Amino acid sequence: MKPLQLAALMTCLAIPASAAEPPRWSPGIAFPELVLPSISDGQARSLAEFRGQKLMLHIFASW
């Protein structure tokens, strides 16, 4: 591979990595307040109700 082609390839690979935003959430920081409808009864449930417990959010999209 020619040096110019190699430099262009390396630049193209490096640009997306440098443009990536740092995550807004990290371990130890409280998750933002979120209210979603319950699957069982449809009533609004807040994440604050489950503070201190393990919780699994199942997010599904059928594209």
N, C-alpha and C. Protein backbone atom coordinates (compact mmCIF):
# COMPACT_ATOMS: atom_id res chain seq x y z
N MET A 1 0.86 -1.18 0.00
CA MET A 1 0.00 0.00 0.00
C MET A 1 0.90 1.24 0.00
N LYS A 2 0.54 2.20 -0.81
CA LYS A 2 1.33 3.42 -0.91
C LYS A 2 1.19 4.23 0.37
N PRO A 3 2.22 4.99 0.74
CA PRO A 3 2.16 5.78 1.97
C PRO A 3 0.99 6.76 2.01
N LEU A 4 0.66 7.37 0.89
CA LEU A 4 -0.45 8.33 0.87
C LEU A 4 -1.78 7.62 1.11
N GLN A 5 -1.96 6.46 0.50
CA GLN A 5 -3.19 5.68 0.71
C GLN A 5 -3.29 5.22 2.16
N LEU A 6 -2.17 4.79 2.73
CA LEU A 6 -2.16 4.35 4.12
C LEU A 6 -2.51 5.51 5.05
N ALA A 7 -1.95 6.68 4.80
CA ALA A 7 -2.25 7.86 5.62
C ALA A 7 -3.72 8.23 5.52
N ALA A 8 -4.29 8.17 4.32
CA ALA A 8 -5.70 8.49 4.13
C ALA A 8 -6.59 7.48 4.86
N LEU A 9 -6.24 6.21 4.78
CA LEU A 9 -7.00 5.18 5.47
C LEU A 9 -6.95 5.37 6.98
N MET A 10 -5.77 5.62 7.51
CA MET A 10 -5.61 5.82 8.95
C MET A 10 -6.39 7.05 9.42
N THR A 11 -6.40 8.11 8.62
CA THR A 11 -7.17 9.31 8.96
C THR A 11 -8.66 9.01 8.99
N CYS A 12 -9.14 8.27 8.00
CA CYS A 12 -10.56 7.92 7.94
C CYS A 12 -10.97 7.05 9.12
N LEU A 13 -10.09 6.20 9.59
CA LEU A 13 -10.40 5.35 10.73
C LEU A 13 -10.31 6.11 12.05
N ALA A 14 -9.46 7.12 12.13
CA ALA A 14 -9.26 7.86 13.37
C ALA A 14 -10.31 8.92 13.61
N ILE A 15 -10.88 9.50 12.57
CA ILE A 15 -11.84 10.60 12.73
C ILE A 15 -13.07 10.19 13.54
N PRO A 16 -13.75 9.07 13.24
CA PRO A 16 -14.93 8.71 14.05
C PRO A 16 -14.59 8.46 15.52
N ALA A 17 -13.43 7.91 15.79
CA ALA A 17 -13.05 7.63 17.18
C ALA A 17 -12.82 8.92 17.95
N SER A 18 -12.26 9.94 17.31
CA SER A 18 -12.00 11.19 18.01
C SER A 18 -13.27 12.02 18.17
N ALA A 19 -14.27 11.79 17.33
CA ALA A 19 -15.51 12.56 17.39
C ALA A 19 -16.50 11.98 18.39
N ALA A 20 -16.22 10.80 18.91
CA ALA A 20 -17.15 10.14 19.83
C ALA A 20 -17.27 10.95 21.12
N GLU A 21 -18.49 11.09 21.58
CA GLU A 21 -18.79 11.80 22.81
C GLU A 21 -18.57 10.88 24.00
N PRO A 22 -18.05 11.38 25.12
CA PRO A 22 -17.94 10.52 26.29
C PRO A 22 -19.34 10.16 26.81
N PRO A 23 -19.51 9.00 27.42
CA PRO A 23 -20.85 8.62 27.90
C PRO A 23 -21.35 9.58 28.96
N ARG A 24 -22.66 9.84 28.94
CA ARG A 24 -23.26 10.75 29.92
C ARG A 24 -23.55 10.04 31.24
N TRP A 25 -23.48 8.73 31.22
CA TRP A 25 -23.76 7.96 32.43
C TRP A 25 -22.59 7.04 32.69
N SER A 26 -22.26 6.86 33.94
CA SER A 26 -21.22 5.92 34.31
C SER A 26 -21.59 5.30 35.65
N PRO A 27 -21.01 4.15 35.99
CA PRO A 27 -21.34 3.50 37.26
C PRO A 27 -21.10 4.44 38.44
N GLY A 28 -22.01 4.39 39.39
CA GLY A 28 -21.91 5.24 40.57
C GLY A 28 -22.73 6.51 40.47
N ILE A 29 -23.18 6.86 39.28
CA ILE A 29 -24.01 8.05 39.09
C ILE A 29 -25.45 7.58 38.94
N ALA A 30 -26.36 8.23 39.68
CA ALA A 30 -27.78 7.83 39.63
C ALA A 30 -28.34 8.03 38.22
N PHE A 31 -29.14 7.07 37.78
CA PHE A 31 -29.79 7.15 36.47
C PHE A 31 -30.82 8.27 36.51
N PRO A 32 -31.02 9.01 35.43
CA PRO A 32 -32.02 10.09 35.44
C PRO A 32 -33.43 9.55 35.71
N GLU A 33 -34.27 10.41 36.26
CA GLU A 33 -35.65 10.01 36.57
C GLU A 33 -36.37 9.60 35.30
N LEU A 34 -37.09 8.50 35.37
CA LEU A 34 -37.78 7.95 34.21
C LEU A 34 -39.10 7.36 34.68
N VAL A 35 -40.18 7.69 34.00
CA VAL A 35 -41.51 7.15 34.32
C VAL A 35 -42.04 6.45 33.07
N LEU A 36 -42.39 5.16 33.23
CA LEU A 36 -42.89 4.35 32.12
C LEU A 36 -44.14 3.60 32.55
N PRO A 37 -45.01 3.23 31.59
CA PRO A 37 -46.19 2.45 31.95
C PRO A 37 -45.81 1.01 32.29
N SER A 38 -46.50 0.45 33.27
CA SER A 38 -46.28 -0.94 33.67
C SER A 38 -46.90 -1.88 32.65
N ILE A 39 -46.26 -3.01 32.41
CA ILE A 39 -46.81 -4.00 31.47
C ILE A 39 -48.05 -4.66 32.06
N SER A 40 -48.03 -4.91 33.37
CA SER A 40 -49.13 -5.67 33.98
C SER A 40 -50.43 -4.88 34.09
N ASP A 41 -50.35 -3.61 34.53
CA ASP A 41 -51.60 -2.87 34.74
C ASP A 41 -51.66 -1.53 34.00
N GLY A 42 -50.61 -1.14 33.30
CA GLY A 42 -50.62 0.09 32.51
C GLY A 42 -50.43 1.36 33.31
N GLN A 43 -50.31 1.26 34.63
CA GLN A 43 -50.12 2.46 35.44
C GLN A 43 -48.68 2.93 35.34
N ALA A 44 -48.48 4.24 35.48
CA ALA A 44 -47.14 4.81 35.40
C ALA A 44 -46.30 4.35 36.59
N ARG A 45 -45.09 3.89 36.30
CA ARG A 45 -44.16 3.45 37.34
C ARG A 45 -42.89 4.28 37.21
N SER A 46 -42.37 4.72 38.32
CA SER A 46 -41.16 5.53 38.34
C SER A 46 -39.96 4.67 38.72
N LEU A 47 -38.81 5.00 38.18
CA LEU A 47 -37.60 4.27 38.56
C LEU A 47 -37.28 4.47 40.04
N ALA A 48 -37.71 5.58 40.62
CA ALA A 48 -37.45 5.85 42.04
C ALA A 48 -38.09 4.78 42.92
N GLU A 49 -39.17 4.15 42.47
CA GLU A 49 -39.83 3.09 43.25
C GLU A 49 -38.93 1.88 43.43
N PHE A 50 -37.96 1.71 42.54
CA PHE A 50 -37.10 0.53 42.56
C PHE A 50 -35.68 0.84 43.03
N ARG A 51 -35.47 2.02 43.58
CA ARG A 51 -34.13 2.41 44.02
C ARG A 51 -33.59 1.40 45.04
N GLY A 52 -32.36 0.97 44.83
CA GLY A 52 -31.73 -0.01 45.71
C GLY A 52 -31.99 -1.45 45.32
N GLN A 53 -32.83 -1.67 44.31
CA GLN A 53 -33.13 -3.02 43.85
C GLN A 53 -32.55 -3.22 42.45
N LYS A 54 -32.36 -4.47 42.07
CA LYS A 54 -31.92 -4.75 40.71
C LYS A 54 -33.13 -4.61 39.79
N LEU A 55 -32.90 -4.02 38.63
CA LEU A 55 -33.99 -3.74 37.70
C LEU A 55 -33.51 -4.00 36.29
N MET A 56 -34.34 -4.67 35.50
CA MET A 56 -34.01 -4.90 34.10
C MET A 56 -35.02 -4.16 33.24
N LEU A 57 -34.53 -3.30 32.36
CA LEU A 57 -35.39 -2.62 31.41
C LEU A 57 -35.31 -3.37 30.09
N HIS A 58 -36.44 -3.81 29.59
CA HIS A 58 -36.48 -4.52 28.32
C HIS A 58 -36.95 -3.52 27.27
N ILE A 59 -36.06 -3.13 26.40
CA ILE A 59 -36.40 -2.15 25.36
C ILE A 59 -36.40 -2.89 24.03
N PHE A 60 -37.51 -2.82 23.32
CA PHE A 60 -37.69 -3.60 22.10
C PHE A 60 -38.15 -2.69 20.97
N ALA A 61 -37.63 -2.91 19.81
CA ALA A 61 -38.08 -2.18 18.62
C ALA A 61 -38.15 -3.16 17.46
N SER A 62 -39.25 -3.17 16.75
CA SER A 62 -39.38 -4.07 15.59
C SER A 62 -39.28 -3.23 14.33
N TRP A 63 -38.09 -3.06 13.86
CA TRP A 63 -37.87 -2.23 12.68
C TRP A 63 -37.92 -3.10 11.50
